[in-house]
Amino acid sequence: MSSRTTPTEWVDQLEQTLESFDEAGGHRVLSQVFTQLELEDALSVVVLPYLHAMGERWSRGAIGVAQEHFASNVLRSRLSLLMNSEARTEGPLAVLACMPDEHHEFGQMAMSLALSRLGWRTCYLGADTPISELALTCATLQPDAVVLSAHRHETFETHGPALRRIAASASLHVAGPGASDDVGELCDASFLDGDPVRAARAVNEELGGTRPALDAPSAV
């Protein structure tokens, strides 16, 4: 009997396939990951670590823009399919968005999936969301929670007054490398530190949720 594939080996396989433009191979690896691991574990120990490592390779010039874009597009399409399959019609509602000029969206996609697994409905607005559109969405939907992410703390600081207005009617949370306790205080928000899966659980617990994780999804 062959030994079970480790998360590190799956990360290596994603590097070998996606960064050599092997889309079919990358999807085969992802199918194995999502079949053999719980969704939250697949995100925490394989998908997000791979994305972090890929970003580091890109920043030091070990891979090119085309490789980074190709791999990101494959993963984005796969996570989007999972988000559709995990969508809930009942439960509390969370609006998730990346701040203006913020294009790093995978953490928010992972958090949307983790919240869905905890029984939440989610409205995912994606990358580079204008604050005016975020405010309109929140006024229309009246969500229970709003989660915003950015890589630069200045992004939150620039929009502090508008974020405080949003926080007056919904539980606001800030996440990503640009977030901190100080940023949270400035925006009347809670700071979500670390892994998006843990952050989703923190939002759920903060708002009184004790919902167990739902059954694992079929492979997508």
C-alpha atoms as a PDB file:
ATOM      1  CA  MET A   1       0.000   0.000   0.000  1.00  0.00           C
ATOM      2  CA  SER A   2       1.406   3.383  -0.952  1.00  0.00           C
ATOM      3  CA  SER A   3       1.913   5.925   1.814  1.00  0.00           C
ATOM      4  CA  ARG A   4      -0.485   8.845   2.097  1.00  0.00           C
ATOM      5  CA  THR A   5       0.569  11.979   0.253  1.00  0.00           C
ATOM      6  CA  THR A   6       1.737  14.693   2.640  1.00  0.00           C
ATOM      7  CA  PRO A   7       0.702  18.364   2.356  1.00  0.00           C
ATOM      8  CA  THR A   8       4.286  19.272   1.438  1.00  0.00           C
ATOM      9  CA  GLU A   9       4.221  16.755  -1.418  1.00  0.00           C
ATOM     10  CA  TRP A  10       0.941  18.184  -2.697  1.00  0.00           C
ATOM     11  CA  VAL A  11       2.387  21.701  -2.564  1.00  0.00           C
ATOM     12  CA  ASP A  12       5.374  20.447  -4.566  1.00  0.00           C
ATOM     13  CA  GLN A  13       3.058  18.792  -7.100  1.00  0.00           C
ATOM     14  CA  LEU A  14       1.127  22.028  -7.567  1.00  0.00           C
ATOM     15  CA  GLU A  15       4.403  23.822  -8.198  1.00  0.00           C
ATOM     16  CA  GLN A  16       5.497  21.201 -10.742  1.00  0.00           C
ATOM     17  CA  THR A  17       2.213  21.239 -12.665  1.00  0.00           C
ATOM     18  CA  LEU A  18       0.864  24.769 -12.485  1.00  0.00           C
ATOM     19  CA  GLU A  19       4.193  26.503 -12.965  1.00  0.00           C
ATOM     20  CA  SER A  20       4.865  24.449 -16.073  1.00  0.00           C
ATOM     21  CA  PHE A  21       1.444  25.441 -17.506  1.00  0.00           C
ATOM     22  CA  ASP A  22      -0.020  21.952 -16.987  1.00  0.00           C
ATOM     23  CA  GLU A  23      -3.644  22.841 -16.243  1.00  0.00           C
ATOM     24  CA  ALA A  24      -4.963  19.269 -16.397  1.00  0.00           C
ATOM     25  CA  GLY A  25      -2.198  18.098 -14.076  1.00  0.00           C
ATOM     26  CA  GLY A  26      -2.900  20.899 -11.638  1.00  0.00           C
ATOM     27  CA  HIS A  27      -6.593  20.035 -11.544  1.00  0.00           C
ATOM     28  CA  ARG A  28      -5.738  16.368 -10.922  1.00  0.00           C
ATOM     29  CA  VAL A  29      -3.657  17.356  -7.915  1.00  0.00           C
ATOM     30  CA  LEU A  30      -6.376  19.659  -6.613  1.00  0.00           C
ATOM     31  CA  SER A  31      -8.982  16.905  -7.016  1.00  0.00           C
ATOM     32  CA  GLN A  32      -6.845  14.611  -4.868  1.00  0.00           C
ATOM     33  CA  VAL A  33      -6.348  17.317  -2.257  1.00  0.00           C
ATOM     34  CA  PHE A  34     -10.050  18.171  -1.948  1.00  0.00           C
ATOM     35  CA  THR A  35     -11.049  14.490  -1.959  1.00  0.00           C
ATOM     36  CA  GLN A  36      -8.602  13.316   0.692  1.00  0.00           C
ATOM     37  CA  LEU A  37      -8.683  16.318   3.028  1.00  0.00           C
ATOM     38  CA  GLU A  38     -11.443  18.255   4.731  1.00  0.00           C
ATOM     39  CA  LEU A  39     -12.034  21.492   2.865  1.00  0.00           C
ATOM     40  CA  GLU A  40     -10.668  23.652   5.679  1.00  0.00           C
ATOM     41  CA  ASP A  41      -7.520  21.524   5.933  1.00  0.00           C
ATOM     42  CA  ALA A  42      -7.040  21.550   2.171  1.00  0.00           C
ATOM     43  CA  LEU A  43      -7.053  25.338   2.259  1.00  0.00           C
ATOM     44  CA  SER A  44      -4.876  25.727   5.351  1.00  0.00           C
ATOM     45  CA  VAL A  45      -2.153  23.172   4.659  1.00  0.00           C
ATOM     46  CA  VAL A  46      -2.003  22.970   0.855  1.00  0.00           C
ATOM     47  CA  VAL A  47      -3.658  25.737  -1.169  1.00  0.00           C
ATOM     48  CA  LEU A  48      -2.703  28.789   0.887  1.00  0.00           C
ATOM     49  CA  PRO A  49       0.869  27.589   1.598  1.00  0.00           C
ATOM     50  CA  TYR A  50       1.330  26.955  -2.125  1.00  0.00           C
ATOM     51  CA  LEU A  51       0.095  30.444  -2.985  1.00  0.00           C
ATOM     52  CA  HIS A  52       2.429  31.981  -0.402  1.00  0.00           C
ATOM     53  CA  ALA A  53       5.422  30.025  -1.731  1.00  0.00           C
ATOM     54  CA  MET A  54       4.538  30.890  -5.323  1.00  0.00           C
ATOM     55  CA  GLY A  55       4.353  34.570  -4.426  1.00  0.00           C
ATOM     56  CA  GLU A  56       7.799  34.403  -2.876  1.00  0.00           C
ATOM     57  CA  ARG A  57       9.211  32.711  -5.996  1.00  0.00           C
ATOM     58  CA  TRP A  58       7.665  35.424  -8.147  1.00  0.00           C
ATOM     59  CA  SER A  59       9.021  38.246  -5.943  1.00  0.00           C
ATOM     60  CA  ARG A  60      12.596  36.970  -6.228  1.00  0.00           C
ATOM     61  CA  GLY A  61      12.329  36.321  -9.968  1.00  0.00           C
ATOM     62  CA  ALA A  62      12.363  32.529  -9.826  1.00  0.00           C
ATOM     63  CA  ILE A  63       9.170  32.395 -11.918  1.00  0.00           C
ATOM     64  CA  GLY A  64       7.700  34.845 -14.379  1.00  0.00           C
ATOM     65  CA  VAL A  65       4.494  36.827 -14.514  1.00  0.00           C
ATOM     66  CA  ALA A  66       2.928  34.363 -16.969  1.00  0.00           C
ATOM     67  CA  GLN A  67       3.502  31.432 -14.587  1.00  0.00           C
ATOM     68  CA  GLU A  68       2.102  33.364 -11.627  1.00  0.00           C
ATOM     69  CA  HIS A  69      -0.965  34.465 -13.598  1.00  0.00           C
ATOM     70  CA  PHE A  70      -1.582  30.974 -14.988  1.00  0.00           C
ATOM     71  CA  ALA A  71      -1.372  29.264 -11.600  1.00  0.00           C
ATOM     72  CA  SER A  72      -3.497  31.948  -9.939  1.00  0.00           C
ATOM     73  CA  ASN A  73      -6.176  31.690 -12.605  1.00  0.00           C
ATOM     74  CA  VAL A  74      -6.423  27.895 -12.244  1.00  0.00           C
ATOM     75  CA  LEU A  75      -6.735  28.154  -8.471  1.00  0.00           C
ATOM     76  CA  ARG A  76      -9.191  31.037  -8.658  1.00  0.00           C
ATOM     77  CA  SER A  77     -11.463  29.079 -10.999  1.00  0.00           C
ATOM     78  CA  ARG A  78     -11.329  26.037  -8.709  1.00  0.00           C
ATOM     79  CA  LEU A  79     -12.097  28.004  -5.567  1.00  0.00           C
ATOM     80  CA  SER A  80     -14.922  29.801  -7.357  1.00  0.00           C
ATOM     81  CA  LEU A  81     -16.505  26.440  -8.189  1.00  0.00           C
ATOM     82  CA  LEU A  82     -16.206  25.396  -4.568  1.00  0.00           C
ATOM     83  CA  MET A  83     -17.746  28.668  -3.401  1.00  0.00           C
ATOM     84  CA  ASN A  84     -20.727  28.050  -5.663  1.00  0.00           C
ATOM     85  CA  SER A  85     -21.155  24.469  -4.463  1.00  0.00           C
ATOM     86  CA  GLU A  86     -20.898  25.517  -0.805  1.00  0.00           C
ATOM     87  CA  ALA A  87     -23.296  28.479  -1.048  1.00  0.00           C
ATOM     88  CA  ARG A  88     -25.971  28.542   1.679  1.00  0.00           C
ATOM     89  CA  THR A  89     -29.540  29.816   1.483  1.00  0.00           C
ATOM     90  CA  GLU A  90     -30.041  30.152   5.243  1.00  0.00           C
ATOM     91  CA  GLY A  91     -27.983  31.424   8.140  1.00  0.00           C
ATOM     92  CA  PRO A  92     -26.267  34.699   9.048  1.00  0.00           C
ATOM     93  CA  LEU A  93     -24.842  36.771   6.212  1.00  0.00           C
ATOM     94  CA  ALA A  94     -21.254  37.949   5.744  1.00  0.00           C
ATOM     95  CA  VAL A  95     -20.051  40.401   3.118  1.00  0.00           C
ATOM     96  CA  LEU A  96     -16.397  39.896   2.152  1.00  0.00           C
ATOM     97  CA  ALA A  97     -14.313  42.254   0.017  1.00  0.00           C
ATOM     98  CA  CYS A  98     -10.805  43.400  -0.729  1.00  0.00           C
ATOM     99  CA  MET A  99     -10.160  47.075  -0.120  1.00  0.00           C
ATOM    100  CA  PRO A 100      -9.607  49.522  -3.028  1.00  0.00           C
ATOM    101  CA  ASP A 101      -6.426  48.734  -5.032  1.00  0.00           C
ATOM    102  CA  GLU A 102      -6.111  45.401  -3.210  1.00  0.00           C
ATOM    103  CA  HIS A 103      -5.822  42.480  -5.626  1.00  0.00           C
ATOM    104  CA  HIS A 104      -4.741  39.677  -3.267  1.00  0.00           C
ATOM    105  CA  GLU A 105      -8.078  37.906  -2.924  1.00  0.00           C
ATOM    106  CA  PHE A 106      -7.300  34.271  -2.121  1.00  0.00           C
ATOM    107  CA  GLY A 107      -7.430  34.777   1.632  1.00  0.00           C
ATOM    108  CA  GLN A 108     -10.923  36.238   1.302  1.00  0.00           C
ATOM    109  CA  MET A 109     -12.020  33.394  -0.969  1.00  0.00           C
ATOM    110  CA  ALA A 110     -10.746  30.883   1.593  1.00  0.00           C
ATOM    111  CA  MET A 111     -12.545  32.710   4.380  1.00  0.00           C
ATOM    112  CA  SER A 112     -15.779  32.768   2.385  1.00  0.00           C
ATOM    113  CA  LEU A 113     -15.531  28.999   1.983  1.00  0.00           C
ATOM    114  CA  ALA A 114     -14.777  28.474   5.672  1.00  0.00           C
ATOM    115  CA  LEU A 115     -17.754  30.615   6.696  1.00  0.00           C
ATOM    116  CA  SER A 116     -20.003  28.670   4.329  1.00  0.00           C
ATOM    117  CA  ARG A 117     -18.874  25.471   6.015  1.00  0.00           C
ATOM    118  CA  LEU A 118     -19.929  27.003   9.335  1.00  0.00           C
ATOM    119  CA  GLY A 119     -23.429  27.633   8.001  1.00  0.00           C
ATOM    120  CA  TRP A 120     -23.082  31.247   6.858  1.00  0.00           C
ATOM    121  CA  ARG A 121     -24.412  32.849   3.711  1.00  0.00           C
ATOM    122  CA  THR A 122     -21.712  34.903   2.029  1.00  0.00           C
ATOM    123  CA  CYS A 123     -21.640  37.767  -0.445  1.00  0.00           C
ATOM    124  CA  TYR A 124     -18.168  37.865  -1.938  1.00  0.00           C
ATOM    125  CA  LEU A 125     -17.358  41.137  -3.717  1.00  0.00           C
ATOM    126  CA  GLY A 126     -13.799  40.267  -4.726  1.00  0.00           C
ATOM    127  CA  ALA A 127     -10.697  42.326  -5.397  1.00  0.00           C
ATOM    128  CA  ASP A 128     -10.385  46.125  -5.542  1.00  0.00           C
ATOM    129  CA  THR A 129     -13.849  46.936  -4.210  1.00  0.00           C
ATOM    130  CA  PRO A 130     -14.731  50.649  -4.142  1.00  0.00           C
ATOM    131  CA  ILE A 131     -15.811  51.786  -0.683  1.00  0.00           C
ATOM    132  CA  SER A 132     -18.937  53.406  -2.124  1.00  0.00           C
ATOM    133  CA  GLU A 133     -19.995  50.066  -3.621  1.00  0.00           C
ATOM    134  CA  LEU A 134     -19.216  48.260  -0.380  1.00  0.00           C
ATOM    135  CA  ALA A 135     -21.352  50.758   1.541  1.00  0.00           C
ATOM    136  CA  LEU A 136     -24.217  50.333  -0.928  1.00  0.00           C
ATOM    137  CA  THR A 137     -24.016  46.539  -0.638  1.00  0.00           C
ATOM    138  CA  CYS A 138     -24.088  46.709   3.145  1.00  0.00           C
ATOM    139  CA  ALA A 139     -27.007  49.158   3.163  1.00  0.00           C
ATOM    140  CA  THR A 140     -28.930  46.857   0.824  1.00  0.00           C
ATOM    141  CA  LEU A 141     -28.179  43.500   2.447  1.00  0.00           C
ATOM    142  CA  GLN A 142     -27.818  44.499   6.124  1.00  0.00           C
ATOM    143  CA  PRO A 143     -25.200  41.776   6.771  1.00  0.00           C
ATOM    144  CA  ASP A 144     -24.358  40.351  10.170  1.00  0.00           C
ATOM    145  CA  ALA A 145     -20.638  40.682   9.469  1.00  0.00           C
ATOM    146  CA  VAL A 146     -18.346  42.504   7.037  1.00  0.00           C
ATOM    147  CA  VAL A 147     -14.785  41.311   6.431  1.00  0.00           C
ATOM    148  CA  LEU A 148     -12.271  43.520   4.599  1.00  0.00           C
ATOM    149  CA  SER A 149      -8.668  42.779   3.675  1.00  0.00           C
ATOM    150  CA  ALA A 150      -5.648  44.753   2.465  1.00  0.00           C
ATOM    151  CA  HIS A 151      -1.874  44.368   2.340  1.00  0.00           C
ATOM    152  CA  ARG A 152      -1.178  47.990   3.348  1.00  0.00           C
ATOM    153  CA  HIS A 153      -2.360  49.595   6.566  1.00  0.00           C
ATOM    154  CA  GLU A 154      -2.581  52.959   4.785  1.00  0.00           C
ATOM    155  CA  THR A 155      -5.465  51.586   2.749  1.00  0.00           C
ATOM    156  CA  PHE A 156      -7.553  51.114   5.873  1.00  0.00           C
ATOM    157  CA  GLU A 157      -6.448  54.443   7.329  1.00  0.00           C
ATOM    158  CA  THR A 158      -7.401  56.367   4.193  1.00  0.00           C
ATOM    159  CA  HIS A 159     -10.950  55.059   4.358  1.00  0.00           C
ATOM    160  CA  GLY A 160     -11.305  55.116   8.135  1.00  0.00           C
ATOM    161  CA  PRO A 161     -14.344  57.469   8.317  1.00  0.00           C
ATOM    162  CA  ALA A 162     -16.309  55.462   5.740  1.00  0.00           C
ATOM    163  CA  LEU A 163     -15.437  52.182   7.467  1.00  0.00           C
ATOM    164  CA  ARG A 164     -16.606  53.533  10.807  1.00  0.00           C
ATOM    165  CA  ARG A 165     -19.954  54.354   9.218  1.00  0.00           C
ATOM    166  CA  ILE A 166     -20.227  50.779   7.957  1.00  0.00           C
ATOM    167  CA  ALA A 167     -19.250  49.476  11.408  1.00  0.00           C
ATOM    168  CA  ALA A 168     -22.153  51.388  12.949  1.00  0.00           C
ATOM    169  CA  SER A 169     -24.625  48.941  11.415  1.00  0.00           C
ATOM    170  CA  ALA A 170     -22.664  45.684  11.038  1.00  0.00           C
ATOM    171  CA  SER A 171     -19.911  43.813  12.832  1.00  0.00           C
ATOM    172  CA  LEU A 172     -16.797  44.937  10.911  1.00  0.00           C
ATOM    173  CA  HIS A 173     -13.598  42.886  10.717  1.00  0.00           C
ATOM    174  CA  VAL A 174     -10.235  43.716   9.129  1.00  0.00           C
ATOM    175  CA  ALA A 175      -7.746  41.139   7.901  1.00  0.00           C
ATOM    176  CA  GLY A 176      -4.591  40.719   5.836  1.00  0.00           C
ATOM    177  CA  PRO A 177      -1.008  41.989   6.294  1.00  0.00           C
ATOM    178  CA  GLY A 178      -2.224  45.592   6.460  1.00  0.00           C
ATOM    179  CA  ALA A 179      -4.556  44.925   9.371  1.00  0.00           C
ATOM    180  CA  SER A 180      -3.660  45.200  13.055  1.00  0.00           C
ATOM    181  CA  ASP A 181      -5.217  45.951  16.418  1.00  0.00           C
ATOM    182  CA  ASP A 182      -4.478  49.654  15.834  1.00  0.00           C
ATOM    183  CA  VAL A 183      -6.178  49.573  12.432  1.00  0.00           C
ATOM    184  CA  GLY A 184      -9.121  47.770  13.972  1.00  0.00           C
ATOM    185  CA  GLU A 185      -9.453  50.445  16.642  1.00  0.00           C
ATOM    186  CA  LEU A 186      -9.270  53.188  14.018  1.00  0.00           C
ATOM    187  CA  CYS A 187     -12.043  51.602  11.966  1.00  0.00           C
ATOM    188  CA  ASP A 188     -14.231  50.415  14.888  1.00  0.00           C
ATOM    189  CA  ALA A 189     -13.470  46.895  13.695  1.00  0.00           C
ATOM    190  CA  SER A 190     -12.167  43.603  15.049  1.00  0.00           C
ATOM    191  CA  PHE A 191      -8.714  42.530  13.866  1.00  0.00           C
ATOM    192  CA  LEU A 192      -8.589  39.002  12.428  1.00  0.00           C
ATOM    193  CA  ASP A 193      -5.087  37.612  12.736  1.00  0.00           C
ATOM    194  CA  GLY A 194      -3.561  34.709  10.846  1.00  0.00           C
ATOM    195  CA  ASP A 195      -5.063  31.883   8.839  1.00  0.00           C
ATOM    196  CA  PRO A 196      -8.382  32.633   7.041  1.00  0.00           C
ATOM    197  CA  VAL A 197      -9.930  29.412   8.344  1.00  0.00           C
ATOM    198  CA  ARG A 198      -9.175  30.371  11.944  1.00  0.00           C
ATOM    199  CA  ALA A 199     -10.398  33.884  11.196  1.00  0.00           C
ATOM    200  CA  ALA A 200     -13.724  32.521   9.953  1.00  0.00           C
ATOM    201  CA  ARG A 201     -14.118  30.552  13.162  1.00  0.00           C
ATOM    202  CA  ALA A 202     -13.332  33.686  15.160  1.00  0.00           C
ATOM    203  CA  VAL A 203     -16.069  35.635  13.348  1.00  0.00           C
ATOM    204  CA  ASN A 204     -18.507  32.802  13.927  1.00  0.00           C
ATOM    205  CA  GLU A 205     -17.687  32.602  17.637  1.00  0.00           C
ATOM    206  CA  GLU A 206     -17.702  36.370  18.129  1.00  0.00           C
ATOM    207  CA  LEU A 207     -21.223  36.605  16.769  1.00  0.00           C
ATOM    208  CA  GLY A 208     -22.471  33.795  18.978  1.00  0.00           C
ATOM    209  CA  GLY A 209     -22.187  30.959  16.498  1.00  0.00           C
ATOM    210  CA  THR A 210     -21.599  27.418  17.654  1.00  0.00           C
ATOM    211  CA  ARG A 211     -22.342  25.798  14.327  1.00  0.00           C
ATOM    212  CA  PRO A 212     -20.492  22.559  13.574  1.00  0.00           C
ATOM    213  CA  ALA A 213     -18.705  22.211  10.254  1.00  0.00           C
ATOM    214  CA  LEU A 214     -20.912  20.723   7.567  1.00  0.00           C
ATOM    215  CA  ASP A 215     -20.223  17.479   5.751  1.00  0.00           C
ATOM    216  CA  ALA A 216     -17.236  17.536   3.427  1.00  0.00           C
ATOM    217  CA  PRO A 217     -18.086  18.490  -0.169  1.00  0.00           C
ATOM    218  CA  SER A 218     -17.650  16.222  -3.113  1.00  0.00           C
ATOM    219  CA  ALA A 219     -14.488  16.858  -5.101  1.00  0.00           C
ATOM    220  CA  VAL A 220     -14.800  19.756  -7.522  1.00  0.00           C
END
